Protein backbone atom coordinates (compact mmCIF):
# COMPACT_ATOMS: atom_id res chain seq x y z
CA MET A 1 24.55 -65.25 55.70
CA LEU A 2 28.08 -66.20 56.69
CA ILE A 3 29.37 -62.88 55.39
CA ASP A 4 26.81 -61.03 57.52
CA TYR A 5 28.03 -62.95 60.56
CA LEU A 6 31.71 -62.27 59.81
CA VAL A 7 31.06 -58.55 59.41
CA THR A 8 29.92 -58.40 63.03
CA TRP A 9 33.10 -60.05 64.33
CA GLY A 10 35.12 -57.86 66.62
CA LYS A 11 37.93 -58.04 69.10
CA TRP A 12 35.95 -59.92 71.72
CA ASN A 13 35.06 -62.70 69.31
CA TRP A 14 38.74 -63.29 68.60
CA LEU A 15 39.55 -63.40 72.30
CA ILE A 16 36.73 -65.90 72.89
CA LEU A 17 37.92 -68.00 69.95
CA GLY A 18 41.43 -67.97 71.42
CA ALA A 19 40.05 -69.17 74.76
CA ILE A 20 38.14 -71.95 72.98
CA PHE A 21 41.33 -73.08 71.25
CA PHE A 22 43.11 -73.15 74.62
CA VAL A 23 40.35 -75.28 76.14
CA LEU A 24 40.53 -77.62 73.15
CA GLU A 25 44.28 -77.86 73.73
CA LEU A 26 43.62 -79.05 77.26
CA LEU A 27 41.12 -81.65 76.04
CA VAL A 28 43.07 -82.84 72.99
CA PRO A 29 46.81 -82.88 73.61
CA GLY A 30 49.23 -82.18 70.82
CA ALA A 31 50.23 -78.52 71.23
CA PHE A 32 48.62 -77.52 67.95
CA MET A 33 45.49 -75.73 69.17
CA MET A 34 47.67 -73.63 71.45
CA TRP A 35 49.24 -71.91 68.45
CA LEU A 36 45.86 -71.27 66.85
CA GLY A 37 44.72 -69.83 70.17
CA LEU A 38 47.73 -67.55 70.30
CA SER A 39 47.03 -66.43 66.74
CA ALA A 40 43.40 -65.63 67.60
CA LEU A 41 44.47 -63.76 70.74
CA LEU A 42 47.01 -61.76 68.76
CA VAL A 43 44.35 -60.72 66.24
CA GLY A 44 42.05 -59.78 69.13
CA VAL A 45 44.71 -57.66 70.82
CA ILE A 46 45.62 -55.92 67.57
CA SER A 47 41.91 -55.21 67.04
CA PHE A 48 41.90 -53.13 70.22
CA PHE A 49 44.34 -50.72 68.58
CA ALA A 50 43.44 -50.92 64.89
CA ALA A 51 40.07 -50.60 63.22
CA TRP A 52 40.24 -53.10 60.40
CA GLY A 53 37.71 -55.08 58.44
CA TRP A 54 36.89 -58.72 58.92
CA GLN A 55 38.80 -59.60 55.72
CA TYR A 56 42.02 -58.26 57.18
CA GLN A 57 41.34 -59.97 60.49
CA LEU A 58 40.94 -63.35 58.76
CA ILE A 59 44.06 -62.78 56.68
CA ALA A 60 46.03 -61.80 59.78
CA PHE A 61 44.78 -64.90 61.62
CA ALA A 62 45.82 -67.11 58.70
CA VAL A 63 49.24 -65.47 58.49
CA PHE A 64 49.82 -65.77 62.25
CA ALA A 65 48.64 -69.39 62.23
CA LEU A 66 50.94 -70.27 59.33
CA ALA A 67 53.84 -68.40 60.92
CA SER A 68 53.33 -70.35 64.12
CA ILE A 69 54.07 -73.69 62.40
CA PRO A 70 57.87 -73.17 62.32
CA LEU A 71 57.71 -71.86 65.89
CA TRP A 72 55.81 -74.98 66.94
CA ARG A 73 58.36 -77.25 65.25
CA ARG A 74 61.25 -75.39 66.84
CA PHE A 75 59.58 -75.62 70.26
CA ALA A 76 58.70 -79.31 69.79
CA HIS A 77 62.31 -80.23 68.95
CA ARG A 78 63.62 -78.50 72.07
CA VAL A 79 61.14 -80.23 74.35
């Protein structure tokens, strides 16, 4: 059932998820949801140009989210 739902995920779902993460960032401060939102938006934007399966989208989201951790730490130390 979850697999059937993930198969239907497209670019708009990633953009909506990114917006949800940004709203959560406003409600719960800490600058962590912002990076997840950026990762989701990046996957959504890439999906406009590349036709890839949901597996690759999830992997890309995980990679972008993990790559954003050092960026977040670097940004947090400057501010």
